[in-house]
């Protein structure tokens, strides 16, 4: 018998993985960043999105029923 597997939420996302995992286009992700709705941080030259910030954004959109 194997031990249960715990799946941890992602801590951070690249623009590409944020787009793939949310279904938002890359250009929509960039627009959200530029509009100040989604905070990012840099790892070297790579732009990353904190997992909790992305989850909060999706939750806000789900609660409002829109992505505007």
N, C-alpha and C. Protein backbone atom coordinates (compact mmCIF):
# COMPACT_ATOMS: atom_id res chain seq x y z
N UNK A 1 0.85 -1.17 0.00
CA UNK A 1 0.00 0.00 0.00
C UNK A 1 0.90 1.23 0.00
N UNK A 2 0.62 2.17 -0.90
CA UNK A 2 1.44 3.38 -0.97
C UNK A 2 0.78 4.51 -0.18
N UNK A 3 1.61 5.45 0.23
CA UNK A 3 1.12 6.60 0.98
C UNK A 3 0.33 7.51 0.05
N UNK A 4 -0.68 8.21 0.58
CA UNK A 4 -1.44 9.13 -0.27
C UNK A 4 -0.53 10.24 -0.79
N UNK A 5 -0.79 10.64 -2.00
CA UNK A 5 -0.02 11.70 -2.62
C UNK A 5 -0.68 13.03 -2.36
N UNK A 6 0.10 14.00 -1.89
CA UNK A 6 -0.41 15.34 -1.67
C UNK A 6 0.00 16.20 -2.85
N UNK A 7 -0.96 16.85 -3.47
CA UNK A 7 -0.67 17.74 -4.58
C UNK A 7 -0.64 19.16 -4.04
N UNK A 8 0.50 19.78 -4.16
CA UNK A 8 0.64 21.15 -3.69
C UNK A 8 0.31 22.12 -4.81
N UNK A 9 -0.30 23.25 -4.47
CA UNK A 9 -0.56 24.24 -5.52
C UNK A 9 0.76 24.81 -6.03
N UNK A 10 0.76 25.24 -7.27
CA UNK A 10 1.96 25.86 -7.82
C UNK A 10 2.24 27.16 -7.08
N UNK A 11 3.50 27.40 -6.80
CA UNK A 11 3.88 28.63 -6.12
C UNK A 11 4.03 29.79 -7.09
N UNK A 12 4.41 29.48 -8.32
CA UNK A 12 4.57 30.55 -9.31
C UNK A 12 4.34 29.99 -10.71
N UNK A 13 4.04 30.91 -11.61
CA UNK A 13 3.74 30.57 -12.99
C UNK A 13 4.51 31.49 -13.93
N UNK A 14 4.97 30.95 -15.02
CA UNK A 14 5.47 31.80 -16.10
C UNK A 14 4.25 32.34 -16.84
N UNK A 15 4.45 33.31 -17.71
CA UNK A 15 3.34 33.82 -18.51
C UNK A 15 2.72 32.68 -19.31
N UNK A 16 3.56 31.84 -19.89
CA UNK A 16 3.09 30.73 -20.72
C UNK A 16 2.25 29.74 -19.91
N UNK A 17 2.72 29.34 -18.73
CA UNK A 17 1.96 28.37 -17.94
C UNK A 17 0.71 28.99 -17.33
N UNK A 18 0.78 30.28 -16.97
CA UNK A 18 -0.41 30.96 -16.46
C UNK A 18 -1.49 30.98 -17.54
N UNK A 19 -1.08 31.24 -18.76
CA UNK A 19 -2.01 31.25 -19.89
C UNK A 19 -2.61 29.86 -20.10
N UNK A 20 -1.77 28.86 -20.13
CA UNK A 20 -2.23 27.49 -20.36
C UNK A 20 -3.15 27.00 -19.25
N UNK A 21 -2.80 27.31 -18.00
CA UNK A 21 -3.57 26.79 -16.87
C UNK A 21 -4.88 27.53 -16.63
N UNK A 22 -4.97 28.80 -17.03
CA UNK A 22 -6.21 29.56 -16.83
C UNK A 22 -7.11 29.58 -18.06
N UNK A 23 -6.51 29.36 -19.23
CA UNK A 23 -7.27 29.47 -20.46
C UNK A 23 -7.30 30.89 -21.01
N UNK A 24 -6.66 31.84 -20.30
CA UNK A 24 -6.54 33.21 -20.81
C UNK A 24 -5.42 33.23 -21.84
N UNK A 25 -5.58 34.05 -22.87
CA UNK A 25 -4.51 34.17 -23.86
C UNK A 25 -3.29 34.86 -23.22
N UNK A 26 -2.15 34.68 -23.84
CA UNK A 26 -0.94 35.36 -23.35
C UNK A 26 -1.13 36.86 -23.39
N UNK A 27 -1.75 37.36 -24.46
CA UNK A 27 -1.95 38.81 -24.55
C UNK A 27 -2.90 39.30 -23.45
N UNK A 28 -3.87 38.49 -23.07
CA UNK A 28 -4.78 38.86 -21.96
C UNK A 28 -4.01 38.90 -20.65
N UNK A 29 -3.13 37.94 -20.43
CA UNK A 29 -2.29 37.94 -19.22
C UNK A 29 -1.46 39.21 -19.18
N UNK A 30 -0.82 39.56 -20.30
CA UNK A 30 -0.01 40.78 -20.35
C UNK A 30 -0.87 42.02 -20.09
N UNK A 31 -2.09 42.06 -20.62
CA UNK A 31 -2.97 43.20 -20.39
C UNK A 31 -3.32 43.31 -18.90
N UNK A 32 -3.62 42.19 -18.27
CA UNK A 32 -3.92 42.18 -16.83
C UNK A 32 -2.73 42.69 -16.02
N UNK A 33 -1.53 42.31 -16.43
CA UNK A 33 -0.32 42.78 -15.76
C UNK A 33 -0.18 44.29 -15.96
N UNK A 34 -0.31 44.75 -17.20
CA UNK A 34 -0.16 46.17 -17.50
C UNK A 34 -1.23 47.02 -16.85
N UNK A 35 -2.43 46.47 -16.65
CA UNK A 35 -3.51 47.19 -15.99
C UNK A 35 -3.40 47.16 -14.47
N UNK A 36 -2.39 46.46 -13.94
CA UNK A 36 -2.19 46.39 -12.50
C UNK A 36 -3.09 45.40 -11.79
N UNK A 37 -3.76 44.53 -12.55
CA UNK A 37 -4.64 43.54 -11.95
C UNK A 37 -3.93 42.25 -11.56
N UNK A 38 -2.70 42.10 -12.03
CA UNK A 38 -1.94 40.89 -11.77
C UNK A 38 -0.49 41.27 -11.52
N UNK A 39 -0.01 40.99 -10.32
CA UNK A 39 1.35 41.35 -9.95
C UNK A 39 2.33 40.26 -10.38
N UNK A 40 3.52 40.71 -10.76
CA UNK A 40 4.57 39.80 -11.22
C UNK A 40 5.86 40.05 -10.45
N UNK A 41 6.80 39.13 -10.63
CA UNK A 41 8.15 39.32 -10.12
C UNK A 41 9.11 38.70 -11.13
N UNK A 42 10.35 39.07 -11.06
CA UNK A 42 11.35 38.59 -12.00
C UNK A 42 12.25 37.55 -11.34
N UNK A 43 12.59 36.54 -12.11
CA UNK A 43 13.63 35.57 -11.76
C UNK A 43 14.60 35.64 -12.93
N UNK A 44 15.68 36.37 -12.72
CA UNK A 44 16.57 36.67 -13.83
C UNK A 44 15.82 37.54 -14.82
N UNK A 45 15.72 37.11 -16.05
CA UNK A 45 14.98 37.88 -17.05
C UNK A 45 13.54 37.37 -17.22
N UNK A 46 13.20 36.31 -16.50
CA UNK A 46 11.89 35.67 -16.66
C UNK A 46 10.85 36.34 -15.77
N UNK A 47 9.70 36.66 -16.34
CA UNK A 47 8.59 37.24 -15.59
C UNK A 47 7.75 36.11 -15.02
N UNK A 48 7.54 36.17 -13.71
CA UNK A 48 6.78 35.13 -13.02
C UNK A 48 5.58 35.75 -12.31
N UNK A 49 4.55 34.94 -12.14
CA UNK A 49 3.33 35.35 -11.44
C UNK A 49 3.19 34.46 -10.22
N UNK A 50 2.98 35.08 -9.06
CA UNK A 50 2.80 34.32 -7.83
C UNK A 50 1.51 33.51 -7.94
N UNK A 51 1.55 32.26 -7.55
CA UNK A 51 0.39 31.37 -7.67
C UNK A 51 -0.84 31.88 -6.96
N UNK A 52 -0.66 32.46 -5.76
CA UNK A 52 -1.80 32.98 -5.00
C UNK A 52 -2.42 34.18 -5.71
N UNK A 53 -1.61 35.02 -6.36
CA UNK A 53 -2.13 36.17 -7.10
C UNK A 53 -2.96 35.72 -8.29
N UNK A 54 -2.51 34.68 -8.98
CA UNK A 54 -3.25 34.16 -10.12
C UNK A 54 -4.57 33.53 -9.66
N UNK A 55 -4.52 32.78 -8.57
CA UNK A 55 -5.74 32.17 -8.04
C UNK A 55 -6.74 33.24 -7.60
N UNK A 56 -6.24 34.30 -6.97
CA UNK A 56 -7.12 35.39 -6.53
C UNK A 56 -7.77 36.08 -7.73
N UNK A 57 -7.02 36.27 -8.81
CA UNK A 57 -7.56 36.88 -10.01
C UNK A 57 -8.68 36.03 -10.59
N UNK A 58 -8.45 34.74 -10.71
CA UNK A 58 -9.48 33.83 -11.24
C UNK A 58 -10.70 33.85 -10.33
N UNK A 59 -10.50 33.87 -9.02
CA UNK A 59 -11.62 33.93 -8.07
C UNK A 59 -12.42 35.21 -8.24
N UNK A 60 -11.73 36.35 -8.42
CA UNK A 60 -12.43 37.63 -8.64
C UNK A 60 -13.27 37.57 -9.91
N UNK A 61 -12.70 37.02 -10.98
CA UNK A 61 -13.44 36.92 -12.23
C UNK A 61 -14.63 35.98 -12.08
N UNK A 62 -14.45 34.89 -11.39
CA UNK A 62 -15.54 33.94 -11.18
C UNK A 62 -16.67 34.58 -10.37
N UNK A 63 -16.31 35.37 -9.36
CA UNK A 63 -17.31 36.02 -8.51
C UNK A 63 -18.07 37.10 -9.27
N UNK A 64 -17.39 37.80 -10.15
CA UNK A 64 -18.03 38.90 -10.88
C UNK A 64 -18.71 38.42 -12.16
N UNK A 65 -18.33 37.23 -12.64
CA UNK A 65 -18.91 36.71 -13.86
C UNK A 65 -18.34 37.30 -15.13
N UNK A 66 -17.22 38.02 -15.03
CA UNK A 66 -16.62 38.65 -16.19
C UNK A 66 -15.10 38.69 -16.04
N UNK A 67 -14.40 38.90 -17.15
CA UNK A 67 -12.95 39.06 -17.10
C UNK A 67 -12.56 40.50 -17.37
N UNK A 68 -13.48 41.40 -17.23
CA UNK A 68 -13.19 42.83 -17.45
C UNK A 68 -12.92 43.52 -16.14
